[in-house]
Amino acid sequence: MNRKLYRLCLVMVIMAAVVSGVLYYRVLKKKAAAPQEGIFVWEELSGSGCV
């Protein structure tokens, strides 16, 4: 395999990884946007309580 073909394949693999990562992130973000079952607890942190 010559250098140009090797570089082309490498660039295509990198582009496919980036595109699939972005799509996966968007699908995961949409699922996380819906409220999940459970209790939301808010804890105030004061200066003396933080160690």
PDB file of N, CA and C in Angstrom:
ATOM      1  N   MET A   1       0.851  -1.168   0.000  1.00  0.00           N
ATOM      2  CA  MET A   1       0.000   0.000   0.000  1.00  0.00           C
ATOM      3  C   MET A   1       0.902   1.238   0.000  1.00  0.00           C
ATOM      4  N   ASN A   2       0.647   2.137  -0.925  1.00  0.00           N
ATOM      5  CA  ASN A   2       1.492   3.329  -0.960  1.00  0.00           C
ATOM      6  C   ASN A   2       1.097   4.333   0.122  1.00  0.00           C
ATOM      7  N   ARG A   3       1.914   5.352   0.274  1.00  0.00           N
ATOM      8  CA  ARG A   3       1.733   6.314   1.364  1.00  0.00           C
ATOM      9  C   ARG A   3       0.419   7.087   1.281  1.00  0.00           C
ATOM     10  N   LYS A   4       0.036   7.508   0.089  1.00  0.00           N
ATOM     11  CA  LYS A   4      -1.190   8.294  -0.078  1.00  0.00           C
ATOM     12  C   LYS A   4      -2.417   7.484   0.329  1.00  0.00           C
ATOM     13  N   LEU A   5      -2.456   6.235  -0.082  1.00  0.00           N
ATOM     14  CA  LEU A   5      -3.599   5.383   0.259  1.00  0.00           C
ATOM     15  C   LEU A   5      -3.628   5.110   1.759  1.00  0.00           C
ATOM     16  N   TYR A   6      -2.473   4.903   2.352  1.00  0.00           N
ATOM     17  CA  TYR A   6      -2.387   4.675   3.795  1.00  0.00           C
ATOM     18  C   TYR A   6      -2.876   5.901   4.554  1.00  0.00           C
ATOM     19  N   ARG A   7      -2.444   7.086   4.147  1.00  0.00           N
ATOM     20  CA  ARG A   7      -2.875   8.319   4.805  1.00  0.00           C
ATOM     21  C   ARG A   7      -4.368   8.553   4.624  1.00  0.00           C
ATOM     22  N   LEU A   8      -4.880   8.266   3.443  1.00  0.00           N
ATOM     23  CA  LEU A   8      -6.302   8.421   3.182  1.00  0.00           C
ATOM     24  C   LEU A   8      -7.117   7.502   4.093  1.00  0.00           C
ATOM     25  N   CYS A   9      -6.699   6.258   4.206  1.00  0.00           N
ATOM     26  CA  CYS A   9      -7.403   5.320   5.089  1.00  0.00           C
ATOM     27  C   CYS A   9      -7.328   5.778   6.546  1.00  0.00           C
ATOM     28  N   LEU A  10      -6.179   6.256   6.971  1.00  0.00           N
ATOM     29  CA  LEU A  10      -6.013   6.729   8.336  1.00  0.00           C
ATOM     30  C   LEU A  10      -6.902   7.939   8.622  1.00  0.00           C
ATOM     31  N   VAL A  11      -6.976   8.879   7.686  1.00  0.00           N
ATOM     32  CA  VAL A  11      -7.831  10.052   7.852  1.00  0.00           C
ATOM     33  C   VAL A  11      -9.301   9.638   7.901  1.00  0.00           C
ATOM     34  N   MET A  12      -9.689   8.695   7.065  1.00  0.00           N
ATOM     35  CA  MET A  12     -11.080   8.232   7.059  1.00  0.00           C
ATOM     36  C   MET A  12     -11.442   7.553   8.378  1.00  0.00           C
ATOM     37  N   VAL A  13     -10.540   6.768   8.924  1.00  0.00           N
ATOM     38  CA  VAL A  13     -10.794   6.099  10.207  1.00  0.00           C
ATOM     39  C   VAL A  13     -10.928   7.136  11.325  1.00  0.00           C
ATOM     40  N   ILE A  14     -10.068   8.139  11.320  1.00  0.00           N
ATOM     41  CA  ILE A  14     -10.141   9.189  12.341  1.00  0.00           C
ATOM     42  C   ILE A  14     -11.437   9.978  12.208  1.00  0.00           C
ATOM     43  N   MET A  15     -11.827  10.317  10.986  1.00  0.00           N
ATOM     44  CA  MET A  15     -13.072  11.048  10.772  1.00  0.00           C
ATOM     45  C   MET A  15     -14.283  10.227  11.203  1.00  0.00           C
ATOM     46  N   ALA A  16     -14.264   8.936  10.918  1.00  0.00           N
ATOM     47  CA  ALA A  16     -15.367   8.067  11.326  1.00  0.00           C
ATOM     48  C   ALA A  16     -15.454   7.981  12.847  1.00  0.00           C
ATOM     49  N   ALA A  17     -14.314   7.934  13.520  1.00  0.00           N
ATOM     50  CA  ALA A  17     -14.303   7.888  14.982  1.00  0.00           C
ATOM     51  C   ALA A  17     -14.858   9.181  15.572  1.00  0.00           C
ATOM     52  N   VAL A  18     -14.492  10.315  14.997  1.00  0.00           N
ATOM     53  CA  VAL A  18     -14.983  11.602  15.503  1.00  0.00           C
ATOM     54  C   VAL A  18     -16.486  11.722  15.281  1.00  0.00           C
ATOM     55  N   VAL A  19     -16.954  11.383  14.100  1.00  0.00           N
ATOM     56  CA  VAL A  19     -18.383  11.482  13.800  1.00  0.00           C
ATOM     57  C   VAL A  19     -19.185  10.536  14.679  1.00  0.00           C
ATOM     58  N   SER A  20     -18.723   9.311  14.841  1.00  0.00           N
ATOM     59  CA  SER A  20     -19.464   8.373  15.681  1.00  0.00           C
ATOM     60  C   SER A  20     -19.442   8.814  17.146  1.00  0.00           C
ATOM     61  N   GLY A  21     -18.345   9.414  17.597  1.00  0.00           N
ATOM     62  CA  GLY A  21     -18.278   9.925  18.962  1.00  0.00           C
ATOM     63  C   GLY A  21     -19.255  11.062  19.188  1.00  0.00           C
ATOM     64  N   VAL A  22     -19.359  11.973  18.217  1.00  0.00           N
ATOM     65  CA  VAL A  22     -20.302  13.088  18.337  1.00  0.00           C
ATOM     66  C   VAL A  22     -21.734  12.576  18.341  1.00  0.00           C
ATOM     67  N   LEU A  23     -22.053  11.659  17.462  1.00  0.00           N
ATOM     68  CA  LEU A  23     -23.411  11.106  17.417  1.00  0.00           C
ATOM     69  C   LEU A  23     -23.743  10.355  18.698  1.00  0.00           C
ATOM     70  N   TYR A  24     -22.807   9.592  19.214  1.00  0.00           N
ATOM     71  CA  TYR A  24     -23.016   8.855  20.458  1.00  0.00           C
ATOM     72  C   TYR A  24     -23.254   9.820  21.612  1.00  0.00           C
ATOM     73  N   TYR A  25     -22.485  10.896  21.665  1.00  0.00           N
ATOM     74  CA  TYR A  25     -22.633  11.898  22.717  1.00  0.00           C
ATOM     75  C   TYR A  25     -24.000  12.569  22.640  1.00  0.00           C
ATOM     76  N   ARG A  26     -24.459  12.894  21.433  1.00  0.00           N
ATOM     77  CA  ARG A  26     -25.758  13.547  21.275  1.00  0.00           C
ATOM     78  C   ARG A  26     -26.885  12.622  21.689  1.00  0.00           C
ATOM     79  N   VAL A  27     -26.801  11.333  21.357  1.00  0.00           N
ATOM     80  CA  VAL A  27     -27.830  10.377  21.758  1.00  0.00           C
ATOM     81  C   VAL A  27     -27.816  10.206  23.268  1.00  0.00           C
ATOM     82  N   LEU A  28     -26.637  10.116  23.856  1.00  0.00           N
ATOM     83  CA  LEU A  28     -26.511   9.970  25.299  1.00  0.00           C
ATOM     84  C   LEU A  28     -27.015  11.219  26.006  1.00  0.00           C
ATOM     85  N   LYS A  29     -26.755  12.386  25.468  1.00  0.00           N
ATOM     86  CA  LYS A  29     -27.192  13.653  26.068  1.00  0.00           C
ATOM     87  C   LYS A  29     -28.719  13.751  26.044  1.00  0.00           C
ATOM     88  N   LYS A  30     -29.346  13.289  24.959  1.00  0.00           N
ATOM     89  CA  LYS A  30     -30.807  13.331  24.869  1.00  0.00           C
ATOM     90  C   LYS A  30     -31.437  12.427  25.924  1.00  0.00           C
ATOM     91  N   LYS A  31     -30.864  11.261  26.153  1.00  0.00           N
ATOM     92  CA  LYS A  31     -31.406  10.345  27.155  1.00  0.00           C
ATOM     93  C   LYS A  31     -31.244  10.911  28.556  1.00  0.00           C
ATOM     94  N   ALA A  32     -30.144  11.600  28.816  1.00  0.00           N
ATOM     95  CA  ALA A  32     -29.893  12.150  30.144  1.00  0.00           C
ATOM     96  C   ALA A  32     -30.744  13.388  30.408  1.00  0.00           C
ATOM     97  N   ALA A  33     -31.270  14.031  29.377  1.00  0.00           N
ATOM     98  CA  ALA A  33     -32.058  15.243  29.555  1.00  0.00           C
ATOM     99  C   ALA A  33     -33.410  14.950  30.209  1.00  0.00           C
ATOM    100  N   ALA A  34     -33.946  13.755  29.979  1.00  0.00           N
ATOM    101  CA  ALA A  34     -35.229  13.390  30.581  1.00  0.00           C
ATOM    102  C   ALA A  34     -35.036  13.152  32.072  1.00  0.00           C
ATOM    103  N   PRO A  35     -35.970  13.650  32.896  1.00  0.00           N
ATOM    104  CA  PRO A  35     -35.826  13.433  34.336  1.00  0.00           C
ATOM    105  C   PRO A  35     -35.876  11.949  34.686  1.00  0.00           C
ATOM    106  N   GLN A  36     -34.998  11.565  35.568  1.00  0.00           N
ATOM    107  CA  GLN A  36     -34.942  10.165  35.970  1.00  0.00           C
ATOM    108  C   GLN A  36     -35.653   9.996  37.303  1.00  0.00           C
ATOM    109  N   GLU A  37     -36.091   8.798  37.555  1.00  0.00           N
ATOM    110  CA  GLU A  37     -36.797   8.508  38.800  1.00  0.00           C
ATOM    111  C   GLU A  37     -35.815   8.563  39.961  1.00  0.00           C
ATOM    112  N   GLY A  38     -36.211   9.232  41.018  1.00  0.00           N
ATOM    113  CA  GLY A  38     -35.357   9.343  42.186  1.00  0.00           C
ATOM    114  C   GLY A  38     -35.633  10.624  42.939  1.00  0.00           C
ATOM    115  N   ILE A  39     -34.840  10.885  43.927  1.00  0.00           N
ATOM    116  CA  ILE A  39     -35.001  12.061  44.764  1.00  0.00           C
ATOM    117  C   ILE A  39     -33.787  12.960  44.577  1.00  0.00           C
ATOM    118  N   PHE A  40     -34.063  14.232  44.340  1.00  0.00           N
ATOM    119  CA  PHE A  40     -32.990  15.210  44.194  1.00  0.00           C
ATOM    120  C   PHE A  40     -32.704  15.806  45.564  1.00  0.00           C
ATOM    121  N   VAL A  41     -31.487  15.718  45.994  1.00  0.00           N
ATOM    122  CA  VAL A  41     -31.103  16.239  47.308  1.00  0.00           C
ATOM    123  C   VAL A  41     -30.087  17.352  47.100  1.00  0.00           C
ATOM    124  N   TRP A  42     -30.359  18.514  47.687  1.00  0.00           N
ATOM    125  CA  TRP A  42     -29.457  19.645  47.613  1.00  0.00           C
ATOM    126  C   TRP A  42     -28.754  19.775  48.954  1.00  0.00           C
ATOM    127  N   GLU A  43     -27.449  19.751  48.940  1.00  0.00           N
ATOM    128  CA  GLU A  43     -26.671  19.852  50.185  1.00  0.00           C
ATOM    129  C   GLU A  43     -25.865  21.132  50.150  1.00  0.00           C
ATOM    130  N   GLU A  44     -26.134  21.998  51.091  1.00  0.00           N
ATOM    131  CA  GLU A  44     -25.370  23.234  51.215  1.00  0.00           C
ATOM    132  C   GLU A  44     -24.039  22.925  51.880  1.00  0.00           C
ATOM    133  N   LEU A  45     -22.965  23.381  51.298  1.00  0.00           N
ATOM    134  CA  LEU A  45     -21.653  23.151  51.866  1.00  0.00           C
ATOM    135  C   LEU A  45     -21.167  24.439  52.519  1.00  0.00           C
ATOM    136  N   SER A  46     -20.838  24.351  53.776  1.00  0.00           N
ATOM    137  CA  SER A  46     -20.304  25.524  54.466  1.00  0.00           C
ATOM    138  C   SER A  46     -18.785  25.377  54.566  1.00  0.00           C
ATOM    139  N   GLY A  47     -18.122  26.449  54.937  1.00  0.00           N
ATOM    140  CA  GLY A  47     -16.659  26.437  55.011  1.00  0.00           C
ATOM    141  C   GLY A  47     -16.128  25.463  56.050  1.00  0.00           C
ATOM    142  N   SER A  48     -16.816  25.311  57.169  1.00  0.00           N
ATOM    143  CA  SER A  48     -16.318  24.429  58.228  1.00  0.00           C
ATOM    144  C   SER A  48     -16.592  22.957  57.930  1.00  0.00           C
ATOM    145  N   GLY A  49     -17.617  22.685  57.101  1.00  0.00           N
ATOM    146  CA  GLY A  49     -17.970  21.290  56.795  1.00  0.00           C
ATOM    147  C   GLY A  49     -17.122  20.671  55.695  1.00  0.00           C
ATOM    148  N   CYS A  50     -16.452  21.487  54.914  1.00  0.00           N
ATOM    149  CA  CYS A  50     -15.638  20.982  53.812  1.00  0.00           C
ATOM    150  C   CYS A  50     -14.231  20.671  54.304  1.00  0.00           C
ATOM    151  N   VAL A  51     -13.795  19.478  54.055  1.00  0.00           N
ATOM    152  CA  VAL A  51     -12.430  19.098  54.461  1.00  0.00           C
ATOM    153  C   VAL A  51     -11.702  18.605  53.241  1.00  0.00           C
TER     154      VAL A  51
END
